[in-house]
Amino acid sequence: MKRTLAYNSANIKMIHDNLINLKNQGTPKEFEIKIDDISTVHRTNDLSKFYCYQKSLTPDSNEVSFILFKGNSRRYDKFILIRKSNVSPDPNMTTQEYIESKVAEALKLHKQQMEFARLKEKTKSQKKTIEMQKERIVELEAKNKGEMQSLIQLAYGFIRKPNPDQGAQEVNGISNDELAKMIQHYRVQYGEDVFGKALGIGLQIAEHPYLIKEVTEFINEKIKDNERK
């Protein structure tokens, strides 16, 4: 029997699978492989040598013949795989297979490039948002610092200012002078920034006294949490 087929991976696999099936059934066949009538795999039943012929393929190779012998005789079945239409750069692939592989590679590359562009644009947008947030934080810090300074000066000035109608003023039994010294002491001890923020928070709570209980409980809870650590 002689059959002429197109040279492609499906037909090659079909021949190889046929040899495997015969071997598994206990009736292995000897085979020989030729390229353009030149023997590249000599007669053998060693299937590990089946694909060795591919090393001898070139773009100019036209026919690959797979000869399957019948028993120990010289009779055989012959499969001739034609590669004349195969002008692909890869001698182990037909033109169609080569084109399909390149199209798949191009699609994969395009998808990767699109994903990269999307991530790049997302990163650019996130950086812009971060920069805007940083600028806003700087503005708020500057504004808060200015407001805290004004509050400190206002409170300090109020405490130092005498009231001629009431004589020496006191707050909870502490004179203005002593209170002013205490404020100055804590400003030095905790630093201008911490003292200013603390005073600002205190004044905010004073404007909304209903928050005093909640804030006090929150602060006590936080102190307990830190002591447990």
N, C-alpha and C. Protein backbone atom coordinates (compact mmCIF):
# COMPACT_ATOMS: atom_id res chain seq x y z
N MET A 1 0.83 -1.19 0.00
CA MET A 1 0.00 0.00 0.00
C MET A 1 0.87 1.25 0.00
N LYS A 2 0.46 2.24 -0.78
CA LYS A 2 1.17 3.52 -0.82
C LYS A 2 0.14 4.63 -0.73
N ARG A 3 0.39 5.54 0.23
CA ARG A 3 -0.53 6.69 0.38
C ARG A 3 0.25 7.98 0.34
N THR A 4 -0.31 8.97 -0.33
CA THR A 4 0.31 10.29 -0.40
C THR A 4 -0.55 11.28 0.39
N LEU A 5 0.08 11.91 1.33
CA LEU A 5 -0.63 12.84 2.22
C LEU A 5 0.14 14.16 2.31
N ALA A 6 -0.51 15.15 2.89
CA ALA A 6 0.16 16.43 3.15
C ALA A 6 1.05 16.28 4.37
N TYR A 7 2.17 16.95 4.32
CA TYR A 7 3.09 16.89 5.46
C TYR A 7 2.58 17.87 6.53
N ASN A 8 2.08 17.32 7.61
CA ASN A 8 1.66 18.15 8.74
C ASN A 8 1.73 17.32 10.01
N SER A 9 1.59 18.00 11.14
CA SER A 9 1.75 17.33 12.44
C SER A 9 0.68 16.26 12.67
N ALA A 10 -0.53 16.46 12.13
CA ALA A 10 -1.61 15.49 12.33
C ALA A 10 -1.30 14.16 11.64
N ASN A 11 -0.81 14.22 10.40
CA ASN A 11 -0.50 12.99 9.67
C ASN A 11 0.71 12.28 10.27
N ILE A 12 1.69 13.05 10.70
CA ILE A 12 2.86 12.46 11.34
C ILE A 12 2.47 11.74 12.62
N LYS A 13 1.61 12.38 13.40
CA LYS A 13 1.15 11.77 14.65
C LYS A 13 0.35 10.50 14.36
N MET A 14 -0.43 10.52 13.31
CA MET A 14 -1.23 9.35 12.94
C MET A 14 -0.34 8.14 12.69
N ILE A 15 0.75 8.34 11.95
CA ILE A 15 1.69 7.24 11.67
C ILE A 15 2.38 6.78 12.95
N HIS A 16 2.81 7.74 13.76
CA HIS A 16 3.50 7.42 15.01
C HIS A 16 2.57 6.67 15.97
N ASP A 17 1.32 7.12 16.08
CA ASP A 17 0.36 6.44 16.96
C ASP A 17 0.08 5.02 16.49
N ASN A 18 0.05 4.83 15.19
CA ASN A 18 -0.16 3.49 14.64
C ASN A 18 0.94 2.53 15.06
N LEU A 19 2.17 3.02 15.02
CA LEU A 19 3.31 2.20 15.44
C LEU A 19 3.25 1.90 16.94
N ILE A 20 2.82 2.88 17.73
CA ILE A 20 2.71 2.67 19.17
C ILE A 20 1.65 1.63 19.48
N ASN A 21 0.50 1.73 18.81
CA ASN A 21 -0.58 0.76 19.04
C ASN A 21 -0.14 -0.66 18.73
N LEU A 22 0.59 -0.83 17.61
CA LEU A 22 1.06 -2.17 17.23
C LEU A 22 2.05 -2.71 18.26
N LYS A 23 2.90 -1.83 18.76
CA LYS A 23 3.87 -2.25 19.78
C LYS A 23 3.15 -2.66 21.06
N ASN A 24 2.13 -1.89 21.45
CA ASN A 24 1.38 -2.20 22.67
C ASN A 24 0.61 -3.52 22.55
N GLN A 25 0.29 -3.90 21.32
CA GLN A 25 -0.42 -5.16 21.08
C GLN A 25 0.53 -6.35 20.96
N GLY A 26 1.82 -6.08 21.08
CA GLY A 26 2.80 -7.15 21.02
C GLY A 26 3.24 -7.49 19.61
N THR A 27 2.89 -6.64 18.65
CA THR A 27 3.29 -6.88 17.25
C THR A 27 3.99 -5.63 16.70
N PRO A 28 5.15 -5.28 17.26
CA PRO A 28 5.83 -4.07 16.80
C PRO A 28 6.25 -4.18 15.33
N LYS A 29 6.20 -3.04 14.66
CA LYS A 29 6.60 -2.99 13.25
C LYS A 29 7.92 -2.27 13.11
N GLU A 30 8.72 -2.77 12.17
CA GLU A 30 9.93 -2.04 11.83
C GLU A 30 9.58 -0.95 10.82
N PHE A 31 10.31 0.15 10.91
CA PHE A 31 10.02 1.27 10.01
C PHE A 31 11.32 1.91 9.53
N GLU A 32 11.19 2.64 8.45
CA GLU A 32 12.31 3.39 7.90
C GLU A 32 11.77 4.73 7.43
N ILE A 33 12.59 5.78 7.58
CA ILE A 33 12.14 7.12 7.17
C ILE A 33 13.16 7.70 6.19
N LYS A 34 12.63 8.19 5.08
CA LYS A 34 13.48 8.79 4.06
C LYS A 34 13.03 10.22 3.77
N ILE A 35 14.02 11.03 3.45
CA ILE A 35 13.73 12.40 3.00
C ILE A 35 14.24 12.51 1.57
N ASP A 36 13.30 12.71 0.63
CA ASP A 36 13.65 12.77 -0.80
C ASP A 36 14.48 11.54 -1.19
N ASP A 37 13.99 10.35 -0.78
CA ASP A 37 14.61 9.06 -1.10
C ASP A 37 15.97 8.83 -0.46
N ILE A 38 16.32 9.68 0.47
CA ILE A 38 17.57 9.47 1.22
C ILE A 38 17.20 9.01 2.62
N SER A 39 17.70 7.85 3.00
CA SER A 39 17.35 7.28 4.30
C SER A 39 17.98 8.11 5.43
N THR A 40 17.11 8.58 6.33
CA THR A 40 17.60 9.35 7.50
C THR A 40 17.42 8.57 8.80
N VAL A 41 16.44 7.65 8.82
CA VAL A 41 16.28 6.73 9.94
C VAL A 41 16.25 5.32 9.34
N HIS A 42 17.29 4.57 9.57
CA HIS A 42 17.38 3.23 8.98
C HIS A 42 16.39 2.28 9.65
N ARG A 43 16.13 1.19 8.98
CA ARG A 43 15.12 0.22 9.42
C ARG A 43 15.32 -0.17 10.88
N THR A 44 14.27 0.02 11.67
CA THR A 44 14.35 -0.24 13.11
C THR A 44 12.93 -0.34 13.67
N ASN A 45 12.82 -0.87 14.88
CA ASN A 45 11.53 -0.84 15.57
C ASN A 45 11.63 0.00 16.86
N ASP A 46 12.71 0.76 16.98
CA ASP A 46 12.93 1.63 18.14
C ASP A 46 12.20 2.95 17.92
N LEU A 47 11.07 3.13 18.59
CA LEU A 47 10.25 4.33 18.39
C LEU A 47 10.91 5.61 18.90
N SER A 48 11.92 5.46 19.75
CA SER A 48 12.61 6.66 20.23
C SER A 48 13.36 7.36 19.11
N LYS A 49 13.56 6.65 17.99
CA LYS A 49 14.28 7.23 16.85
C LYS A 49 13.34 7.82 15.80
N PHE A 50 12.02 7.73 16.06
CA PHE A 50 11.04 8.12 15.05
C PHE A 50 11.24 9.56 14.57
N TYR A 51 11.40 10.48 15.50
CA TYR A 51 11.46 11.89 15.13
C TYR A 51 12.88 12.37 14.81
N CYS A 52 13.84 11.46 14.78
CA CYS A 52 15.22 11.86 14.48
C CYS A 52 15.35 12.43 13.06
N TYR A 53 14.43 12.04 12.18
CA TYR A 53 14.52 12.52 10.79
C TYR A 53 14.41 14.03 10.70
N GLN A 54 13.74 14.65 11.69
CA GLN A 54 13.49 16.10 11.63
C GLN A 54 14.79 16.90 11.62
N LYS A 55 15.85 16.31 12.18
CA LYS A 55 17.15 17.00 12.19
C LYS A 55 17.69 17.19 10.78
N SER A 56 17.24 16.33 9.85
CA SER A 56 17.75 16.39 8.47
C SER A 56 16.85 17.21 7.54
N LEU A 57 15.72 17.68 8.04
CA LEU A 57 14.81 18.47 7.21
C LEU A 57 15.39 19.85 6.92
N THR A 58 15.18 20.32 5.71
CA THR A 58 15.57 21.68 5.32
C THR A 58 14.37 22.30 4.60
N PRO A 59 14.36 23.61 4.43
CA PRO A 59 13.25 24.24 3.69
C PRO A 59 13.10 23.71 2.27
N ASP A 60 14.18 23.12 1.72
CA ASP A 60 14.11 22.60 0.34
C ASP A 60 13.64 21.15 0.27
N SER A 61 13.47 20.50 1.42
CA SER A 61 13.03 19.10 1.41
C SER A 61 11.59 19.02 0.89
N ASN A 62 11.34 18.07 -0.05
CA ASN A 62 10.03 17.98 -0.68
C ASN A 62 9.18 16.84 -0.12
N GLU A 63 9.75 15.64 0.04
CA GLU A 63 8.98 14.48 0.46
C GLU A 63 9.61 13.81 1.67
N VAL A 64 8.74 13.39 2.58
CA VAL A 64 9.18 12.59 3.72
C VAL A 64 8.40 11.28 3.65
N SER A 65 9.12 10.18 3.49
CA SER A 65 8.47 8.87 3.32
C SER A 65 8.63 8.04 4.59
N PHE A 66 7.50 7.53 5.07
CA PHE A 66 7.48 6.65 6.24
C PHE A 66 7.16 5.24 5.73
N ILE A 67 8.12 4.34 5.87
CA ILE A 67 7.98 2.97 5.35
C ILE A 67 7.79 2.02 6.52
N LEU A 68 6.63 1.34 6.54
CA LEU A 68 6.29 0.42 7.61
C LEU A 68 6.35 -1.02 7.05
N PHE A 69 7.34 -1.75 7.53
CA PHE A 69 7.58 -3.11 7.00
C PHE A 69 6.59 -4.12 7.59
N LYS A 70 6.31 -5.16 6.78
CA LYS A 70 5.41 -6.22 7.19
C LYS A 70 6.23 -7.42 7.65
N GLY A 71 6.31 -7.60 8.95
CA GLY A 71 7.10 -8.69 9.52
C GLY A 71 8.58 -8.50 9.20
N ASN A 72 9.26 -9.63 8.91
CA ASN A 72 10.68 -9.55 8.59
C ASN A 72 10.92 -9.46 7.09
N SER A 73 9.86 -9.39 6.29
CA SER A 73 10.01 -9.34 4.84
C SER A 73 10.38 -7.92 4.38
N ARG A 74 10.53 -7.81 3.08
CA ARG A 74 10.82 -6.49 2.52
C ARG A 74 9.55 -5.82 2.01
N ARG A 75 8.41 -6.47 2.24
CA ARG A 75 7.16 -5.85 1.85
C ARG A 75 6.80 -4.78 2.88
N TYR A 76 6.10 -3.76 2.42
CA TYR A 76 5.85 -2.63 3.33
C TYR A 76 4.63 -1.81 2.89
N ASP A 77 4.18 -0.98 3.79
CA ASP A 77 3.23 0.09 3.51
C ASP A 77 4.01 1.40 3.54
N LYS A 78 3.69 2.28 2.62
CA LYS A 78 4.48 3.50 2.49
C LYS A 78 3.57 4.73 2.55
N PHE A 79 3.92 5.66 3.42
CA PHE A 79 3.21 6.94 3.51
C PHE A 79 4.16 8.04 3.03
N ILE A 80 3.77 8.71 1.96
CA ILE A 80 4.60 9.80 1.41
C ILE A 80 3.94 11.12 1.78
N LEU A 81 4.63 11.88 2.57
CA LEU A 81 4.11 13.17 3.00
C LEU A 81 4.76 14.28 2.17
N ILE A 82 3.94 15.04 1.48
CA ILE A 82 4.43 16.05 0.54
C ILE A 82 4.58 17.40 1.23
N ARG A 83 5.72 18.01 0.97
CA ARG A 83 6.00 19.32 1.56
C ARG A 83 6.21 20.39 0.49
N LYS A 84 5.85 20.14 -0.76
CA LYS A 84 6.14 21.07 -1.85
C LYS A 84 5.53 22.45 -1.61
N SER A 85 4.32 22.44 -1.01
CA SER A 85 3.65 23.74 -0.77
C SER A 85 4.13 24.39 0.52
N ASN A 86 5.01 23.70 1.19
CA ASN A 86 5.47 24.23 2.47
C ASN A 86 6.67 25.15 2.25
N VAL A 87 6.41 26.43 2.33
CA VAL A 87 7.50 27.41 2.18
C VAL A 87 7.73 28.13 3.50
N SER A 88 7.27 27.52 4.60
CA SER A 88 7.43 28.17 5.90
C SER A 88 8.90 28.12 6.32
N PRO A 89 9.34 29.10 7.09
CA PRO A 89 10.72 29.12 7.58
C PRO A 89 11.03 27.94 8.49
N ASP A 90 10.00 27.36 9.10
CA ASP A 90 10.19 26.22 9.99
C ASP A 90 9.93 24.94 9.20
N PRO A 91 10.94 24.13 8.95
CA PRO A 91 10.77 22.93 8.14
C PRO A 91 9.85 21.89 8.76
N ASN A 92 9.58 22.00 10.07
CA ASN A 92 8.70 21.04 10.74
C ASN A 92 7.24 21.47 10.74
N MET A 93 6.93 22.57 10.07
CA MET A 93 5.57 23.07 10.02
C MET A 93 5.18 23.39 8.59
N THR A 94 3.91 23.17 8.29
CA THR A 94 3.41 23.59 6.98
C THR A 94 3.25 25.10 6.99
N THR A 95 3.02 25.64 5.81
CA THR A 95 2.82 27.09 5.72
C THR A 95 1.65 27.53 6.59
N GLN A 96 0.55 26.75 6.50
CA GLN A 96 -0.64 27.10 7.28
C GLN A 96 -0.36 27.05 8.77
N GLU A 97 0.32 26.00 9.20
CA GLU A 97 0.65 25.88 10.62
C GLU A 97 1.56 27.01 11.07
N TYR A 98 2.51 27.36 10.22
CA TYR A 98 3.44 28.44 10.56
C TYR A 98 2.69 29.77 10.68
N ILE A 99 1.80 30.03 9.72
CA ILE A 99 1.02 31.27 9.74
C ILE A 99 0.15 31.33 10.98
N GLU A 100 -0.52 30.22 11.29
CA GLU A 100 -1.39 30.20 12.47
C GLU A 100 -0.60 30.43 13.75
N SER A 101 0.59 29.87 13.83
CA SER A 101 1.41 30.06 15.03
C SER A 101 1.85 31.51 15.17
N LYS A 102 2.17 32.14 14.04
CA LYS A 102 2.60 33.54 14.07
C LYS A 102 1.44 34.47 14.40
N VAL A 103 0.24 34.14 13.88
CA VAL A 103 -0.94 34.93 14.20
C VAL A 103 -1.24 34.85 15.70
N ALA A 104 -1.13 33.64 16.26
CA ALA A 104 -1.36 33.45 17.69
C ALA A 104 -0.35 34.24 18.51
N GLU A 105 0.92 34.23 18.07
CA GLU A 105 1.96 35.00 18.77
C GLU A 105 1.67 36.49 18.71
N ALA A 106 1.23 36.96 17.52
CA ALA A 106 0.94 38.38 17.34
C ALA A 106 -0.24 38.82 18.22
N LEU A 107 -1.27 37.97 18.29
CA LEU A 107 -2.43 38.28 19.13
C LEU A 107 -2.04 38.33 20.60
N LYS A 108 -1.21 37.39 21.00
CA LYS A 108 -0.76 37.35 22.39
C LYS A 108 0.06 38.60 22.73
N LEU A 109 0.95 38.98 21.81
CA LEU A 109 1.78 40.17 22.02
C LEU A 109 0.92 41.42 22.08
N HIS A 110 -0.08 41.50 21.17
CA HIS A 110 -0.97 42.66 21.16
C HIS A 110 -1.74 42.77 22.47
N LYS A 111 -2.21 41.62 22.97
CA LYS A 111 -2.94 41.62 24.23
C LYS A 111 -2.05 42.08 25.38
N GLN A 112 -0.80 41.63 25.36
CA GLN A 112 0.14 42.03 26.42
C GLN A 112 0.42 43.53 26.35
N GLN A 113 0.57 44.05 25.12
CA GLN A 113 0.83 45.48 24.95
C GLN A 113 -0.35 46.32 25.42
N MET A 114 -1.57 45.85 25.12
CA MET A 114 -2.77 46.57 25.55
C MET A 114 -2.87 46.59 27.07
N GLU A 115 -2.57 45.45 27.69
CA GLU A 115 -2.61 45.37 29.15
C GLU A 115 -1.55 46.27 29.77
N PHE A 116 -0.37 46.30 29.16
CA PHE A 116 0.71 47.16 29.65
C PHE A 116 0.32 48.63 29.55
N ALA A 117 -0.30 49.00 28.41
CA ALA A 117 -0.73 50.39 28.22
C ALA A 117 -1.80 50.77 29.25
N ARG A 118 -2.71 49.83 29.52
CA ARG A 118 -3.77 50.09 30.51
C ARG A 118 -3.17 50.30 31.91
N LEU A 119 -2.24 49.43 32.28
CA LEU A 119 -1.62 49.54 33.60
C LEU A 119 -0.78 50.82 33.71
N LYS A 120 -0.14 51.18 32.59
CA LYS A 120 0.68 52.40 32.58
C LYS A 120 -0.20 53.63 32.78
N GLU A 121 -1.35 53.66 32.09
CA GLU A 121 -2.28 54.78 32.21
C GLU A 121 -2.88 54.83 33.61
N LYS A 122 -3.18 53.64 34.17
CA LYS A 122 -3.71 53.58 35.53
C LYS A 122 -2.71 54.10 36.54
N THR A 123 -1.44 53.70 36.36
CA THR A 123 -0.38 54.16 37.25
C THR A 123 -0.20 55.67 37.15
N LYS A 124 -0.26 56.19 35.91
CA LYS A 124 -0.12 57.63 35.69
C LYS A 124 -1.24 58.39 36.40
N SER A 125 -2.48 57.85 36.29
CA SER A 125 -3.62 58.49 36.93
C SER A 125 -3.49 58.45 38.45
N GLN A 126 -3.01 57.31 38.98
CA GLN A 126 -2.84 57.18 40.43
C GLN A 126 -1.77 58.13 40.94
N LYS A 127 -0.68 58.28 40.17
CA LYS A 127 0.38 59.21 40.57
C LYS A 127 -0.15 60.64 40.62
N LYS A 128 -0.97 60.99 39.63
CA LYS A 128 -1.54 62.33 39.58
C LYS A 128 -2.44 62.57 40.79
N THR A 129 -3.25 61.56 41.13
CA THR A 129 -4.14 61.67 42.29
C THR A 129 -3.34 61.81 43.57
N ILE A 130 -2.25 61.03 43.68
CA ILE A 130 -1.41 61.10 44.88
C ILE A 130 -0.77 62.47 45.02
N GLU A 131 -0.31 63.03 43.89
CA GLU A 131 0.31 64.36 43.93
C GLU A 131 -0.70 65.41 44.36
N MET A 132 -1.93 65.30 43.84
CA MET A 132 -2.97 66.25 44.21
C MET A 132 -3.31 66.13 45.70
N GLN A 133 -3.33 64.89 46.19
CA GLN A 133 -3.61 64.68 47.61
C GLN A 133 -2.48 65.23 48.48
N LYS A 134 -1.24 65.05 48.03
CA LYS A 134 -0.11 65.60 48.78
C LYS A 134 -0.20 67.12 48.87
N GLU A 135 -0.52 67.76 47.73
CA GLU A 135 -0.66 69.21 47.71
C GLU A 135 -1.77 69.66 48.67
N ARG A 136 -2.88 68.89 48.65
CA ARG A 136 -4.01 69.23 49.53
C ARG A 136 -3.61 69.09 50.99
N ILE A 137 -2.85 68.04 51.31
CA ILE A 137 -2.41 67.82 52.68
C ILE A 137 -1.51 68.96 53.15
N VAL A 138 -0.59 69.38 52.26
CA VAL A 138 0.31 70.50 52.60
C VAL A 138 -0.50 71.75 52.87
N GLU A 139 -1.52 72.01 52.03
CA GLU A 139 -2.37 73.19 52.22
C GLU A 139 -3.12 73.13 53.54
N LEU A 140 -3.67 71.95 53.83
CA LEU A 140 -4.43 71.80 55.08
C LEU A 140 -3.53 71.93 56.30
N GLU A 141 -2.32 71.34 56.20
CA GLU A 141 -1.39 71.45 57.33
C GLU A 141 -1.00 72.90 57.58
N ALA A 142 -0.74 73.61 56.48
CA ALA A 142 -0.38 75.03 56.62
C ALA A 142 -1.53 75.82 57.21
N LYS A 143 -2.75 75.53 56.72
CA LYS A 143 -3.92 76.23 57.23
C LYS A 143 -4.15 75.91 58.70
N ASN A 144 -4.06 74.62 59.05
CA ASN A 144 -4.27 74.21 60.44
C ASN A 144 -3.22 74.81 61.37
N LYS A 145 -1.98 74.84 60.87
CA LYS A 145 -0.91 75.40 61.69
C LYS A 145 -1.16 76.87 61.97
N GLY A 146 -1.60 77.59 60.92
CA GLY A 146 -1.90 79.01 61.10
C GLY A 146 -3.05 79.22 62.05
N GLU A 147 -4.09 78.37 61.92
CA GLU A 147 -5.24 78.50 62.81
C GLU A 147 -4.87 78.17 64.25
N MET A 148 -4.03 77.15 64.43
CA MET A 148 -3.60 76.78 65.78
C MET A 148 -2.78 77.89 66.43
N GLN A 149 -1.92 78.51 65.64
CA GLN A 149 -1.11 79.62 66.17
C GLN A 149 -2.00 80.77 66.62
N SER A 150 -3.03 81.03 65.79
CA SER A 150 -3.95 82.12 66.14
C SER A 150 -4.72 81.78 67.41
N LEU A 151 -5.15 80.53 67.54
CA LEU A 151 -5.88 80.12 68.74
C LEU A 151 -5.01 80.21 69.99
N ILE A 152 -3.76 79.78 69.84
CA ILE A 152 -2.83 79.84 70.99
C ILE A 152 -2.62 81.28 71.43
N GLN A 153 -2.35 82.13 70.44
CA GLN A 153 -2.12 83.54 70.76
C GLN A 153 -3.36 84.17 71.38
N LEU A 154 -4.54 83.79 70.83
CA LEU A 154 -5.78 84.33 71.37
C LEU A 154 -6.00 83.88 72.81
N ALA A 155 -5.80 82.59 73.06
CA ALA A 155 -5.99 82.06 74.41
C ALA A 155 -4.95 82.64 75.37
N TYR A 156 -3.73 82.73 74.92
CA TYR A 156 -2.66 83.26 75.77
C TYR A 156 -2.92 84.72 76.09
N GLY A 157 -3.33 85.47 75.07
CA GLY A 157 -3.62 86.89 75.27
C GLY A 157 -4.80 87.10 76.18
N PHE A 158 -5.81 86.24 76.05
CA PHE A 158 -6.99 86.36 76.90
C PHE A 158 -6.64 86.12 78.36
N ILE A 159 -5.79 85.14 78.59
CA ILE A 159 -5.41 84.82 79.96
C ILE A 159 -4.57 85.93 80.57
N ARG A 160 -3.71 86.55 79.77
CA ARG A 160 -2.81 87.59 80.27
C ARG A 160 -3.52 88.93 80.43
N LYS A 161 -4.68 89.10 79.76
CA LYS A 161 -5.35 90.39 79.76
C LYS A 161 -6.08 90.62 81.07
N PRO A 162 -5.77 91.66 81.78
CA PRO A 162 -6.44 91.93 83.06
C PRO A 162 -7.82 92.53 82.83
N ASN A 163 -8.71 92.28 83.78
CA ASN A 163 -10.04 92.87 83.76
C ASN A 163 -10.15 93.83 84.93
N PRO A 164 -10.15 95.14 84.65
CA PRO A 164 -10.14 96.13 85.75
C PRO A 164 -11.39 96.06 86.61
N ASP A 165 -12.49 95.53 86.10
CA ASP A 165 -13.73 95.46 86.88
C ASP A 165 -13.72 94.32 87.88
N GLN A 166 -12.91 93.28 87.61
CA GLN A 166 -12.92 92.10 88.47
C GLN A 166 -11.64 91.92 89.26
N GLY A 167 -10.68 92.82 89.06
CA GLY A 167 -9.43 92.69 89.76
C GLY A 167 -8.63 91.55 89.18
N ALA A 168 -7.87 90.83 90.00
CA ALA A 168 -7.05 89.72 89.53
C ALA A 168 -7.96 88.56 89.16
N GLN A 169 -7.92 88.15 87.89
CA GLN A 169 -8.77 87.07 87.41
C GLN A 169 -8.17 85.72 87.77
N GLU A 170 -9.08 84.77 88.02
CA GLU A 170 -8.66 83.40 88.30
C GLU A 170 -9.51 82.43 87.50
N VAL A 171 -8.92 81.27 87.15
CA VAL A 171 -9.64 80.19 86.48
C VAL A 171 -9.45 78.94 87.33
N ASN A 172 -10.56 78.51 87.95
CA ASN A 172 -10.49 77.35 88.86
C ASN A 172 -9.46 77.57 89.96
N GLY A 173 -9.44 78.80 90.49
CA GLY A 173 -8.53 79.09 91.59
C GLY A 173 -7.11 79.39 91.18
N ILE A 174 -6.84 79.41 89.87
CA ILE A 174 -5.48 79.68 89.39
C ILE A 174 -5.48 81.05 88.73
N SER A 175 -4.55 81.91 89.13
CA SER A 175 -4.49 83.26 88.57
C SER A 175 -4.08 83.21 87.12
N ASN A 176 -4.39 84.31 86.43
CA ASN A 176 -4.01 84.38 85.01
C ASN A 176 -2.52 84.23 84.81
N ASP A 177 -1.74 84.85 85.70
CA ASP A 177 -0.29 84.76 85.56
C ASP A 177 0.19 83.32 85.69
N GLU A 178 -0.36 82.62 86.69
CA GLU A 178 0.03 81.22 86.88
C GLU A 178 -0.43 80.36 85.71
N LEU A 179 -1.64 80.64 85.22
CA LEU A 179 -2.16 79.88 84.09
C LEU A 179 -1.32 80.11 82.84
N ALA A 180 -0.88 81.37 82.67
CA ALA A 180 -0.04 81.69 81.52
C ALA A 180 1.29 80.94 81.61
N LYS A 181 1.83 80.85 82.82
CA LYS A 181 3.08 80.12 83.01
C LYS A 181 2.89 78.62 82.71
N MET A 182 1.73 78.09 83.14
CA MET A 182 1.46 76.67 82.87
C MET A 182 1.36 76.40 81.37
N ILE A 183 0.68 77.32 80.66
CA ILE A 183 0.55 77.15 79.21
C ILE A 183 1.92 77.20 78.55
N GLN A 184 2.73 78.15 78.97
CA GLN A 184 4.08 78.27 78.40
C GLN A 184 4.90 77.01 78.68
N HIS A 185 4.72 76.48 79.90
CA HIS A 185 5.45 75.26 80.29
C HIS A 185 5.10 74.09 79.37
N TYR A 186 3.77 73.90 79.13
CA TYR A 186 3.35 72.79 78.30
C TYR A 186 3.69 73.01 76.83
N ARG A 187 3.72 74.26 76.40
CA ARG A 187 4.13 74.55 75.02
C ARG A 187 5.57 74.11 74.80
N VAL A 188 6.41 74.37 75.82
CA VAL A 188 7.82 73.98 75.73
C VAL A 188 7.96 72.46 75.86
N GLN A 189 7.21 71.87 76.81
CA GLN A 189 7.33 70.44 77.08
C GLN A 189 6.89 69.59 75.90
N TYR A 190 5.75 69.92 75.27
CA TYR A 190 5.20 69.09 74.21
C TYR A 190 5.54 69.57 72.80
N GLY A 191 6.06 70.78 72.74
CA GLY A 191 6.38 71.33 71.43
C GLY A 191 5.21 72.10 70.85
N GLU A 192 5.54 73.07 70.03
CA GLU A 192 4.52 73.96 69.48
C GLU A 192 3.47 73.21 68.67
N ASP A 193 3.93 72.24 67.88
CA ASP A 193 3.01 71.54 66.98
C ASP A 193 2.00 70.71 67.76
N VAL A 194 2.49 69.87 68.69
CA VAL A 194 1.61 69.01 69.47
C VAL A 194 0.68 69.85 70.35
N PHE A 195 1.24 70.88 70.99
CA PHE A 195 0.44 71.71 71.88
C PHE A 195 -0.66 72.43 71.11
N GLY A 196 -0.29 72.93 69.93
CA GLY A 196 -1.27 73.64 69.11
C GLY A 196 -2.41 72.74 68.67
N LYS A 197 -2.05 71.51 68.24
CA LYS A 197 -3.10 70.58 67.80
C LYS A 197 -4.00 70.19 68.96
N ALA A 198 -3.40 69.95 70.13
CA ALA A 198 -4.17 69.57 71.31
C ALA A 198 -5.12 70.69 71.72
N LEU A 199 -4.63 71.91 71.68
CA LEU A 199 -5.46 73.05 72.04
C LEU A 199 -6.60 73.22 71.03
N GLY A 200 -6.27 73.03 69.75
CA GLY A 200 -7.30 73.15 68.72
C GLY A 200 -8.41 72.13 68.91
N ILE A 201 -8.02 70.87 69.22
CA ILE A 201 -9.01 69.82 69.46
C ILE A 201 -9.87 70.16 70.67
N GLY A 202 -9.21 70.68 71.71
CA GLY A 202 -9.94 71.05 72.92
C GLY A 202 -10.97 72.14 72.67
N LEU A 203 -10.58 73.12 71.85
CA LEU A 203 -11.51 74.21 71.54
C LEU A 203 -12.66 73.71 70.68
N GLN A 204 -12.37 72.78 69.77
CA GLN A 204 -13.44 72.22 68.94
C GLN A 204 -14.45 71.47 69.80
N ILE A 205 -13.95 70.70 70.76
CA ILE A 205 -14.85 69.96 71.64
C ILE A 205 -15.66 70.94 72.49
N ALA A 206 -15.03 72.02 72.91
CA ALA A 206 -15.73 73.02 73.72
C ALA A 206 -16.89 73.64 72.94
N GLU A 207 -16.74 73.76 71.62
CA GLU A 207 -17.81 74.30 70.79
C GLU A 207 -18.94 73.29 70.64
N HIS A 208 -18.63 71.99 70.83
CA HIS A 208 -19.63 70.94 70.71
C HIS A 208 -19.56 70.05 71.96
N PRO A 209 -20.04 70.54 73.08
CA PRO A 209 -19.89 69.83 74.36
C PRO A 209 -20.51 68.43 74.39
N TYR A 210 -21.45 68.14 73.49
CA TYR A 210 -22.07 66.82 73.48
C TYR A 210 -21.05 65.73 73.09
N LEU A 211 -19.90 66.17 72.56
CA LEU A 211 -18.87 65.22 72.16
C LEU A 211 -17.92 64.85 73.30
N ILE A 212 -17.99 65.58 74.38
CA ILE A 212 -17.02 65.41 75.47
C ILE A 212 -17.00 63.97 75.97
N LYS A 213 -18.19 63.41 76.24
CA LYS A 213 -18.26 62.06 76.78
C LYS A 213 -17.69 61.03 75.81
N GLU A 214 -18.09 61.14 74.52
CA GLU A 214 -17.63 60.18 73.53
C GLU A 214 -16.12 60.26 73.33
N VAL A 215 -15.60 61.50 73.27
CA VAL A 215 -14.16 61.69 73.06
C VAL A 215 -13.38 61.17 74.26
N THR A 216 -13.89 61.43 75.46
CA THR A 216 -13.22 60.97 76.69
C THR A 216 -13.15 59.44 76.72
N GLU A 217 -14.28 58.79 76.40
CA GLU A 217 -14.31 57.33 76.38
C GLU A 217 -13.36 56.76 75.32
N PHE A 218 -13.32 57.43 74.17
CA PHE A 218 -12.43 56.98 73.09
C PHE A 218 -10.97 57.07 73.51
N ILE A 219 -10.62 58.20 74.16
CA ILE A 219 -9.24 58.41 74.60
C ILE A 219 -8.85 57.38 75.66
N ASN A 220 -9.74 57.15 76.62
CA ASN A 220 -9.46 56.17 77.68
C ASN A 220 -9.28 54.77 77.11
N GLU A 221 -10.11 54.43 76.12
CA GLU A 221 -10.01 53.11 75.50
C GLU A 221 -8.69 52.93 74.78
N LYS A 222 -8.26 53.98 74.07
CA LYS A 222 -6.99 53.95 73.37
C LYS A 222 -5.81 53.81 74.34
N ILE A 223 -5.90 54.50 75.45
CA ILE A 223 -4.83 54.43 76.46
C ILE A 223 -4.74 53.01 77.01
N LYS A 224 -5.91 52.39 77.27
CA LYS A 224 -5.92 51.02 77.78
C LYS A 224 -5.33 50.06 76.75
N ASP A 225 -5.70 50.26 75.46
CA ASP A 225 -5.16 49.39 74.40
C ASP A 225 -3.64 49.47 74.36
N ASN A 226 -3.09 50.67 74.47
CA ASN A 226 -1.62 50.84 74.44
C ASN A 226 -0.96 50.21 75.65
N GLU A 227 -1.64 50.27 76.80
CA GLU A 227 -1.06 49.68 78.01
C GLU A 227 -1.05 48.15 77.95
N ARG A 228 -2.00 47.57 77.19
CA ARG A 228 -2.05 46.11 77.04
C ARG A 228 -0.94 45.58 76.15
N LYS A 229 -0.44 46.42 75.23
CA LYS A 229 0.58 45.97 74.27
C LYS A 229 1.92 45.76 74.96
